[in-house]
Amino acid sequence: MPPYFRAAFLVLGLSLGSGLPAAPAHAADIAIPQATIDKGKDGKVTFKNVTLKDCNLGQDEATKLFSGALTPEDAAAMVQRMTAGEARIAEVDMETGAGDRLTVKDIVAGKIGGGGAQTLTVASTEGVVPDDAGDSTLHFGSLRIDHVSLVDLAGALRAGDPARAALRFSHLSWDGGDLTAVDKGTPAGAPGGNRIALHIGPARIDQNFDGQGAPLDAAASLTGLSLKMPPESRLGAVLNAYGYPEIDADVTIGGVYDPATKTYQLKNYAIDLKKIGSVAISAQFSGLKETAFVGDKEAREKAMLDATLDWARIEVANAGLFDKVVAFASLSQGKTPASVKDDWRAIIAQAPLLFSGAPAIAIMAKELERFVVDPKVLTLTIKGKGAPLKLSEFVHIEDPTDFLNRLDVTGSPAPAKPAKPAGGTRL
């Protein structure tokens, strides 16, 4: 999205915060039938039917704010001092120089002040990206955000870089939507059509922040994701051959940060691909300063690199795909499934030789071989051998073998042995 589009969203979402001051006594209602930010060949943004209730700005000030007539510095100052009981925008139309169009309808922000608002809701969003092969389309359902704030909005506007403003909110719920695009490698008249269809189901995010803006805890879920490829497309044909006319998935994320101990725990980052398999990642980081979340770009990067990885775990579960791949390989190679697995195990057994016998690779190979034999769940836990690993060590790996020798890797827990039967009575 072009920078001025982001700026437009920031203005219409002047939104965002809580514990806001009451509107001053001289506040009044303001109506702006239409205002446009026109960037000529680069496109334009048009606000239609803007109403500000109990607003402390004057009519001329508000009009300038929504028409882009102010310098970034003046706009930042005005946004910071603006208060209003409610802001409504019936429609926002955006158009790029290339002809891309986006329409956002019924935007409502409540209790605006200090660069934020108590609530922000959007009824719907429609978009079209023209193309000679066929337009791409998007439709997003309703969105609600509570207790939202744009951290350092003034600084972002002064710097002329709206993307620097950090969005904070306590709750987000979204109905999801649909996107479609033409697969140019598939003819328009192909059976089943030539459009790629992505459906996004309901999404939810709940989080809390400390006084500095660092996340104390967060939980997010995105359910009902589905992807359908044209049946005659290259990928669509492969997926259909494996019995997947569409791919369905759910995503969940959860994490907790303790400012006192400077510890962040990624409790879960999981992608569940229905009838295919799932991947779940968890980890714990220590020495992670709050600047990793609330500092400027350089401070955030430094805080991340200075932190240490206590441990990380990845768990891969098979829900049917592995068995289909084995069956497909056995048919195409004219071998039994057992022979195919034996070939794969032989290849895996050579892996440690490529890394001078590094113990970490040997353990990974052993666990992978176990998964090939019994494809249910593969679990690997990684931590530093003798001392925690600095995250900077993952960025600057000069000697892969030396780095691997710094890892302590453990695999899936061994299955419990069956209990011995109790001794009987001899007759």
Protein backbone atom coordinates (compact mmCIF):
# COMPACT_ATOMS: atom_id res chain seq x y z
CA MET A 1 0.00 0.00 0.00
CA PRO A 2 1.44 3.40 -0.97
CA PRO A 3 2.57 5.61 1.95
CA TYR A 4 -0.22 8.15 1.44
CA PHE A 5 -2.77 5.30 1.65
CA ARG A 6 -1.30 4.38 5.01
CA ALA A 7 -1.49 8.05 6.01
CA ALA A 8 -5.17 8.10 5.03
CA PHE A 9 -5.87 5.07 7.20
CA LEU A 10 -4.08 6.75 10.10
CA VAL A 11 -6.19 9.87 9.70
CA LEU A 12 -9.50 7.98 9.45
CA GLY A 13 -8.35 5.84 12.34
CA LEU A 14 -7.35 8.89 14.38
CA SER A 15 -8.83 6.35 16.42
CA LEU A 16 -7.32 4.31 18.79
CA GLY A 17 -6.72 4.50 22.73
CA SER A 18 -8.43 4.45 26.10
CA GLY A 19 -8.61 6.50 29.26
CA LEU A 20 -9.15 9.54 27.05
CA PRO A 21 -9.82 13.11 28.21
CA ALA A 22 -13.33 14.52 27.99
CA ALA A 23 -14.15 16.90 25.16
CA PRO A 24 -13.71 20.57 26.11
CA ALA A 25 -16.69 22.85 26.67
CA HIS A 26 -16.34 24.53 23.29
CA ALA A 27 -16.60 21.23 21.38
CA ALA A 28 -19.06 21.22 18.47
CA ASP A 29 -20.34 18.92 15.72
CA ILE A 30 -18.58 19.09 12.37
CA ALA A 31 -19.75 17.76 9.00
CA ILE A 32 -17.55 17.36 5.91
CA PRO A 33 -19.55 16.17 2.88
CA GLN A 34 -16.40 15.21 0.98
CA ALA A 35 -12.64 15.65 1.22
CA THR A 36 -9.94 14.31 -1.11
CA ILE A 37 -6.22 13.69 -0.81
CA ASP A 38 -5.16 13.91 -4.46
CA LYS A 39 -1.69 12.72 -5.46
CA GLY A 40 -2.21 13.12 -9.20
CA LYS A 41 -0.71 10.22 -11.14
CA ASP A 42 -0.10 8.33 -7.89
CA GLY A 43 -3.81 8.14 -7.10
CA LYS A 44 -6.19 9.65 -4.57
CA VAL A 45 -8.15 9.01 -1.39
CA THR A 46 -11.68 10.40 -1.00
CA PHE A 47 -13.54 10.67 2.34
CA LYS A 48 -17.32 10.89 2.03
CA ASN A 49 -19.77 12.17 4.64
CA VAL A 50 -17.46 12.69 7.59
CA THR A 51 -19.14 13.70 10.86
CA LEU A 52 -17.30 14.55 14.07
CA LYS A 53 -19.42 14.87 17.20
CA ASP A 54 -18.33 17.05 20.16
CA CYS A 55 -15.07 17.80 18.36
CA ASN A 56 -12.65 20.44 19.60
CA LEU A 57 -11.41 21.27 16.07
CA GLY A 58 -12.81 24.02 13.92
CA GLN A 59 -14.50 23.30 10.58
CA ASP A 60 -11.52 24.61 8.62
CA GLU A 61 -9.04 22.63 10.68
CA ALA A 62 -10.93 19.36 10.24
CA THR A 63 -11.31 19.92 6.50
CA LYS A 64 -7.57 20.51 6.13
CA LEU A 65 -6.81 17.38 8.15
CA PHE A 66 -8.92 15.14 5.90
CA SER A 67 -7.81 16.78 2.66
CA GLY A 68 -4.08 16.39 3.28
CA ALA A 69 -3.54 20.15 3.19
CA LEU A 70 -1.34 20.18 6.32
CA THR A 71 2.36 19.49 6.63
CA PRO A 72 3.22 16.26 8.50
CA GLU A 73 4.31 18.31 11.51
CA ASP A 74 1.05 20.30 11.64
CA ALA A 75 -1.04 17.17 11.05
CA ALA A 76 0.76 15.39 13.89
CA ALA A 77 0.13 18.28 16.29
CA MET A 78 -3.55 18.46 15.31
CA VAL A 79 -4.08 14.71 15.69
CA GLN A 80 -2.54 14.75 19.16
CA ARG A 81 -4.79 17.55 20.44
CA MET A 82 -7.98 16.45 18.69
CA THR A 83 -10.85 15.14 20.84
CA ALA A 84 -14.31 13.98 19.78
CA GLY A 85 -17.13 11.92 21.19
CA GLU A 86 -17.49 10.07 17.89
CA ALA A 87 -16.23 10.14 14.31
CA ARG A 88 -18.14 8.60 11.42
CA ILE A 89 -17.05 8.21 7.83
CA ALA A 90 -19.67 6.76 5.54
CA GLU A 91 -17.18 5.75 2.85
CA VAL A 92 -13.51 5.99 1.94
CA ASP A 93 -12.58 5.41 -1.71
CA MET A 94 -8.94 4.80 -2.60
CA GLU A 95 -7.44 4.55 -6.06
CA THR A 96 -3.83 4.06 -7.12
CA GLY A 97 -2.25 5.33 -10.29
CA ALA A 98 -2.40 1.78 -11.66
CA GLY A 99 -6.18 1.72 -11.25
CA ASP A 100 -6.41 -0.43 -8.11
CA ARG A 101 -9.55 0.46 -6.15
CA LEU A 102 -10.46 -0.02 -2.50
CA THR A 103 -13.70 1.04 -0.78
CA VAL A 104 -14.10 1.03 3.00
CA LYS A 105 -17.61 1.59 4.35
CA ASP A 106 -19.11 2.80 7.62
CA ILE A 107 -16.07 3.59 9.76
CA VAL A 108 -16.98 4.58 13.31
CA ALA A 109 -14.51 5.62 16.03
CA GLY A 110 -15.73 6.38 19.54
CA LYS A 111 -14.27 8.61 22.29
CA ILE A 112 -11.34 10.00 20.32
CA GLY A 113 -8.46 11.73 22.07
CA GLY A 114 -4.69 11.72 22.42
CA GLY A 115 -4.25 10.10 19.01
CA GLY A 116 -6.54 7.23 19.93
CA ALA A 117 -10.12 6.05 20.57
CA GLN A 118 -12.10 3.67 22.73
CA THR A 119 -13.50 1.69 19.80
CA LEU A 120 -13.12 1.45 16.05
CA THR A 121 -15.49 -0.45 13.76
CA VAL A 122 -15.55 -0.96 10.01
CA ALA A 123 -18.60 -2.45 8.27
CA SER A 124 -16.96 -3.79 5.11
CA THR A 125 -14.13 -3.42 2.63
CA GLU A 126 -14.29 -4.10 -1.10
CA GLY A 127 -11.40 -3.99 -3.55
CA VAL A 128 -10.56 -4.58 -7.20
CA VAL A 129 -7.14 -4.88 -8.84
CA PRO A 130 -7.59 -4.66 -12.64
CA ASP A 131 -5.67 -7.02 -14.88
CA ASP A 132 -5.90 -7.94 -18.56
CA ALA A 133 -6.37 -11.59 -17.63
CA GLY A 134 -9.17 -10.75 -15.17
CA ASP A 135 -9.61 -8.54 -12.13
CA SER A 136 -8.53 -9.68 -8.69
CA THR A 137 -11.18 -9.01 -6.04
CA LEU A 138 -11.41 -8.81 -2.27
CA HIS A 139 -14.28 -8.61 0.17
CA PHE A 140 -13.70 -8.24 3.91
CA GLY A 141 -16.44 -8.42 6.52
CA SER A 142 -16.95 -6.34 9.63
CA LEU A 143 -14.09 -5.42 11.95
CA ARG A 144 -14.10 -4.23 15.56
CA ILE A 145 -11.11 -3.06 17.59
CA ASP A 146 -11.26 -2.01 21.26
CA HIS A 147 -8.96 0.21 23.33
CA VAL A 148 -6.74 1.09 20.43
CA SER A 149 -3.81 3.50 20.27
CA LEU A 150 -1.25 4.46 17.68
CA VAL A 151 2.04 4.69 19.55
CA ASP A 152 4.29 7.55 18.37
CA LEU A 153 1.82 8.65 15.70
CA ALA A 154 3.12 12.19 15.97
CA GLY A 155 6.71 11.06 15.45
CA ALA A 156 5.67 8.92 12.49
CA LEU A 157 3.90 11.82 10.80
CA ARG A 158 6.75 14.22 11.52
CA ALA A 159 9.16 11.76 9.91
CA GLY A 160 6.87 11.39 6.90
CA ASP A 161 6.70 7.62 7.51
CA PRO A 162 3.23 6.57 8.79
CA ALA A 163 4.39 2.94 8.96
CA ARG A 164 6.47 3.84 12.03
CA ALA A 165 3.33 4.27 14.13
CA ALA A 166 2.88 1.15 16.26
CA LEU A 167 -0.70 -0.10 16.60
CA ARG A 168 -1.79 -1.22 20.08
CA PHE A 169 -5.21 -2.64 20.99
CA SER A 170 -6.76 -4.91 23.60
CA HIS A 171 -9.22 -6.80 21.42
CA LEU A 172 -9.86 -7.37 17.73
CA SER A 173 -12.60 -9.40 16.11
CA TRP A 174 -13.02 -9.76 12.38
CA ASP A 175 -15.53 -11.66 10.28
CA GLY A 176 -12.92 -12.54 7.65
CA GLY A 177 -13.50 -12.39 3.93
CA ASP A 178 -12.65 -13.63 0.46
CA LEU A 179 -9.99 -12.91 -2.14
CA THR A 180 -9.93 -14.16 -5.72
CA ALA A 181 -7.30 -13.86 -8.44
CA VAL A 182 -6.80 -15.26 -11.92
CA ASP A 183 -4.27 -18.06 -12.39
CA LYS A 184 -2.67 -16.86 -15.62
CA GLY A 185 -1.36 -20.33 -16.40
CA THR A 186 -4.90 -21.70 -16.69
CA PRO A 187 -7.18 -20.87 -19.66
CA ALA A 188 -10.37 -18.97 -18.85
CA GLY A 189 -12.52 -21.71 -20.39
CA ALA A 190 -10.90 -24.55 -18.44
CA PRO A 191 -13.30 -26.89 -16.58
CA GLY A 192 -13.83 -25.43 -13.13
CA GLY A 193 -12.61 -21.99 -14.19
CA ASN A 194 -9.24 -20.32 -13.77
CA ARG A 195 -9.63 -18.36 -10.53
CA ILE A 196 -7.74 -18.89 -7.28
CA ALA A 197 -10.08 -18.50 -4.29
CA LEU A 198 -8.88 -17.77 -0.75
CA HIS A 199 -11.42 -17.70 2.07
CA ILE A 200 -10.51 -16.28 5.47
CA GLY A 201 -12.71 -17.24 8.40
CA PRO A 202 -13.26 -15.38 11.67
CA ALA A 203 -10.23 -13.93 13.44
CA ARG A 204 -9.79 -12.89 17.07
CA ILE A 205 -6.94 -11.25 18.99
CA ASP A 206 -6.84 -10.49 22.71
CA GLN A 207 -3.84 -8.87 24.39
CA ASN A 208 -2.66 -6.77 27.30
CA PHE A 209 0.17 -4.21 27.48
CA ASP A 210 2.16 -2.66 30.29
CA GLY A 211 2.47 1.08 30.81
CA GLN A 212 5.37 1.27 28.36
CA GLY A 213 3.45 -0.48 25.57
CA ALA A 214 5.20 -3.87 25.80
CA PRO A 215 2.89 -6.89 25.32
CA LEU A 216 2.29 -8.78 28.57
CA ASP A 217 0.25 -11.51 26.94
CA ALA A 218 -1.44 -12.14 23.62
CA ALA A 219 -3.62 -14.82 22.08
CA ALA A 220 -4.76 -14.93 18.47
CA SER A 221 -6.73 -17.31 16.31
CA LEU A 222 -7.63 -17.41 12.64
CA THR A 223 -10.04 -20.18 11.74
CA GLY A 224 -11.68 -21.42 8.58
CA LEU A 225 -8.87 -20.63 6.15
CA SER A 226 -9.35 -22.35 2.81
CA LEU A 227 -7.57 -22.25 -0.53
CA LYS A 228 -9.01 -23.53 -3.79
CA MET A 229 -6.88 -23.70 -6.92
CA PRO A 230 -8.36 -24.04 -10.42
CA PRO A 231 -8.74 -27.81 -11.05
CA GLU A 232 -6.82 -27.56 -14.35
CA SER A 233 -3.97 -25.47 -12.91
CA ARG A 234 -0.59 -27.08 -12.28
CA LEU A 235 -0.91 -26.88 -8.48
CA GLY A 236 -4.60 -27.71 -8.59
CA ALA A 237 -3.90 -30.90 -10.54
CA VAL A 238 -1.24 -31.96 -8.00
CA LEU A 239 -3.51 -31.28 -5.04
CA ASN A 240 -6.38 -33.16 -6.65
CA ALA A 241 -4.08 -36.10 -7.36
CA TYR A 242 -3.37 -36.29 -3.63
CA GLY A 243 -7.05 -35.97 -2.76
CA TYR A 244 -7.06 -32.31 -1.75
CA PRO A 245 -9.51 -30.32 -3.92
CA GLU A 246 -8.99 -27.54 -1.37
CA ILE A 247 -6.68 -26.87 1.57
CA ASP A 248 -8.26 -25.98 4.92
CA ALA A 249 -6.39 -24.63 7.90
CA ASP A 250 -6.59 -22.98 11.33
CA VAL A 251 -3.88 -20.82 12.93
CA THR A 252 -3.38 -20.13 16.66
CA ILE A 253 -0.74 -18.00 18.39
CA GLY A 254 -0.10 -17.30 22.06
CA GLY A 255 2.68 -15.68 24.05
CA VAL A 256 3.52 -14.11 27.42
CA TYR A 257 6.13 -11.49 28.36
CA ASP A 258 7.37 -10.79 31.90
CA PRO A 259 8.99 -7.32 32.10
CA ALA A 260 10.42 -8.08 35.56
CA THR A 261 12.48 -11.06 34.40
CA LYS A 262 12.81 -9.90 30.76
CA THR A 263 11.50 -13.30 29.66
CA TYR A 264 9.22 -14.00 26.71
CA GLN A 265 7.54 -17.35 26.23
CA LEU A 266 6.05 -18.24 22.89
CA LYS A 267 3.50 -20.71 24.18
CA ASN A 268 2.21 -21.78 20.83
CA TYR A 269 2.48 -20.93 17.15
CA ALA A 270 0.48 -23.61 15.39
CA ILE A 271 -0.76 -24.20 11.87
CA ASP A 272 -3.24 -27.04 11.51
CA LEU A 273 -3.71 -28.14 7.91
CA LYS A 274 -6.78 -30.32 7.90
CA LYS A 275 -6.22 -33.90 6.63
CA ILE A 276 -2.60 -32.95 5.89
CA GLY A 277 -0.75 -32.34 9.15
CA SER A 278 0.15 -29.69 11.68
CA VAL A 279 3.22 -27.77 12.82
CA ALA A 280 3.47 -26.27 16.31
CA ILE A 281 6.38 -24.15 17.58
CA SER A 282 7.05 -23.02 21.14
CA ALA A 283 10.07 -21.31 22.68
CA GLN A 284 11.40 -19.24 25.57
CA PHE A 285 13.68 -16.19 25.35
CA SER A 286 15.57 -14.50 28.19
CA GLY A 287 17.26 -11.13 28.51
CA LEU A 288 14.69 -9.58 26.18
CA LYS A 289 14.45 -5.89 27.04
CA GLU A 290 11.20 -3.98 26.58
CA THR A 291 12.84 -1.95 23.83
CA ALA A 292 12.37 -5.02 21.64
CA PHE A 293 8.69 -4.04 21.54
CA VAL A 294 8.58 -0.28 22.09
CA GLY A 295 11.91 1.13 20.90
CA ASP A 296 12.78 2.55 17.50
CA LYS A 297 13.89 0.23 14.72
CA GLU A 298 17.56 0.16 15.74
CA ALA A 299 16.72 -0.35 19.43
CA ARG A 300 14.30 -3.18 18.63
CA GLU A 301 16.86 -4.98 16.49
CA LYS A 302 19.60 -4.63 19.12
CA ALA A 303 17.32 -5.88 21.91
CA MET A 304 16.40 -8.94 19.86
CA LEU A 305 20.01 -9.79 19.01
CA ASP A 306 21.09 -9.36 22.64
CA ALA A 307 18.43 -11.79 23.89
CA THR A 308 19.12 -15.48 24.45
CA LEU A 309 17.19 -18.57 23.41
CA ASP A 310 16.54 -20.79 26.42
CA TRP A 311 14.89 -23.47 24.33
CA ALA A 312 12.79 -24.01 21.23
CA ARG A 313 10.52 -26.91 20.35
CA ILE A 314 8.93 -27.93 17.09
CA GLU A 315 6.28 -30.61 16.78
CA VAL A 316 5.15 -31.98 13.43
CA ALA A 317 2.09 -34.24 13.30
CA ASN A 318 0.99 -36.25 10.29
CA ALA A 319 -2.72 -36.20 9.48
CA GLY A 320 -2.59 -38.05 6.17
CA LEU A 321 -0.22 -36.30 3.77
CA PHE A 322 2.84 -38.42 4.57
CA ASP A 323 0.94 -41.63 3.82
CA LYS A 324 -0.29 -40.21 0.51
CA VAL A 325 3.26 -39.21 -0.49
CA VAL A 326 4.55 -42.71 0.30
CA ALA A 327 1.71 -44.28 -1.70
CA PHE A 328 2.33 -41.94 -4.66
CA ALA A 329 6.09 -42.66 -4.60
CA SER A 330 5.54 -46.41 -4.45
CA LEU A 331 3.22 -46.32 -7.47
CA SER A 332 5.47 -44.07 -9.55
CA GLN A 333 8.63 -46.08 -8.72
CA GLY A 334 7.05 -49.52 -8.88
CA LYS A 335 8.09 -50.32 -5.31
CA THR A 336 6.31 -51.32 -2.15
CA PRO A 337 5.68 -48.62 0.48
CA ALA A 338 8.14 -50.41 2.77
CA SER A 339 10.87 -50.25 0.09
CA VAL A 340 10.25 -46.53 -0.44
CA LYS A 341 10.62 -45.91 3.29
CA ASP A 342 13.86 -47.97 3.35
CA ASP A 343 15.28 -45.77 0.59
CA TRP A 344 14.41 -42.62 2.50
CA ARG A 345 15.92 -43.99 5.71
CA ALA A 346 19.17 -44.75 3.87
CA ILE A 347 19.35 -41.16 2.62
CA ILE A 348 18.63 -39.76 6.09
CA ALA A 349 21.37 -41.95 7.60
CA GLN A 350 23.97 -40.14 5.45
CA ALA A 351 23.09 -36.69 6.83
CA PRO A 352 25.51 -36.73 9.82
CA LEU A 353 28.43 -37.43 7.44
CA LEU A 354 27.80 -34.11 5.69
CA PHE A 355 28.39 -32.23 8.97
CA SER A 356 31.43 -34.08 10.29
CA GLY A 357 29.32 -36.22 12.55
CA ALA A 358 27.80 -33.33 14.53
CA PRO A 359 25.76 -34.90 17.40
CA ALA A 360 22.84 -32.53 16.77
CA ILE A 361 22.46 -33.73 13.18
CA ALA A 362 22.79 -37.35 14.26
CA ILE A 363 19.92 -36.93 16.74
CA MET A 364 17.77 -35.11 14.17
CA ALA A 365 18.44 -37.87 11.64
CA LYS A 366 17.53 -40.54 14.18
CA GLU A 367 14.26 -38.81 15.00
CA LEU A 368 13.43 -38.27 11.35
CA GLU A 369 14.13 -41.94 10.61
CA ARG A 370 11.82 -42.89 13.48
CA PHE A 371 9.10 -40.68 11.97
CA VAL A 372 9.50 -42.32 8.56
CA VAL A 373 9.00 -45.75 10.14
CA ASP A 374 6.02 -44.64 12.24
CA PRO A 375 4.70 -41.32 10.81
CA LYS A 376 2.67 -39.93 13.68
CA VAL A 377 4.45 -37.15 15.58
CA LEU A 378 7.99 -35.76 15.28
CA THR A 379 9.21 -33.59 18.17
CA LEU A 380 12.58 -31.83 18.41
CA THR A 381 13.75 -29.61 21.28
CA ILE A 382 16.77 -27.35 20.79
CA LYS A 383 18.81 -25.38 23.32
CA GLY A 384 22.38 -24.25 23.82
CA LYS A 385 24.89 -26.83 24.98
CA GLY A 386 26.40 -25.64 28.24
CA ALA A 387 25.10 -22.07 27.87
CA PRO A 388 22.08 -20.34 26.29
CA LEU A 389 22.39 -19.25 22.68
CA LYS A 390 22.42 -15.56 21.80
CA LEU A 391 19.98 -14.81 19.00
CA SER A 392 22.84 -13.01 17.26
CA GLU A 393 24.51 -16.41 16.85
CA PHE A 394 21.71 -17.44 14.50
CA VAL A 395 22.29 -14.37 12.33
CA HIS A 396 26.06 -14.65 11.94
CA ILE A 397 26.93 -18.33 11.41
CA GLU A 398 30.49 -18.46 10.09
CA ASP A 399 31.17 -22.17 10.74
CA PRO A 400 28.01 -24.35 10.45
CA THR A 401 29.69 -27.36 12.07
CA ASP A 402 30.89 -25.30 15.03
CA PHE A 403 27.42 -23.83 15.43
CA LEU A 404 25.79 -27.26 15.31
CA ASN A 405 28.17 -28.46 18.01
CA ARG A 406 26.79 -25.64 20.20
CA LEU A 407 23.31 -27.18 20.03
CA ASP A 408 21.80 -29.64 22.46
CA VAL A 409 19.03 -31.47 20.60
CA THR A 410 16.60 -33.96 22.08
CA GLY A 411 13.92 -35.89 20.26
CA SER A 412 10.51 -37.32 20.96
CA PRO A 413 10.12 -38.93 24.37
CA ALA A 414 10.50 -42.67 24.23
CA PRO A 415 7.20 -44.55 24.36
CA ALA A 416 6.38 -45.94 27.77
CA LYS A 417 7.18 -49.62 28.19
CA PRO A 418 4.18 -51.81 28.91
CA ALA A 419 3.91 -52.80 32.56
CA LYS A 420 4.85 -56.35 33.41
CA PRO A 421 1.86 -58.53 34.21
CA ALA A 422 1.38 -59.25 37.87
CA GLY A 423 2.63 -62.63 39.00
CA GLY A 424 -0.04 -65.28 39.10
CA THR A 425 -0.59 -68.20 41.46
CA ARG A 426 0.77 -71.52 40.34
CA LEU A 427 -1.66 -74.38 40.61
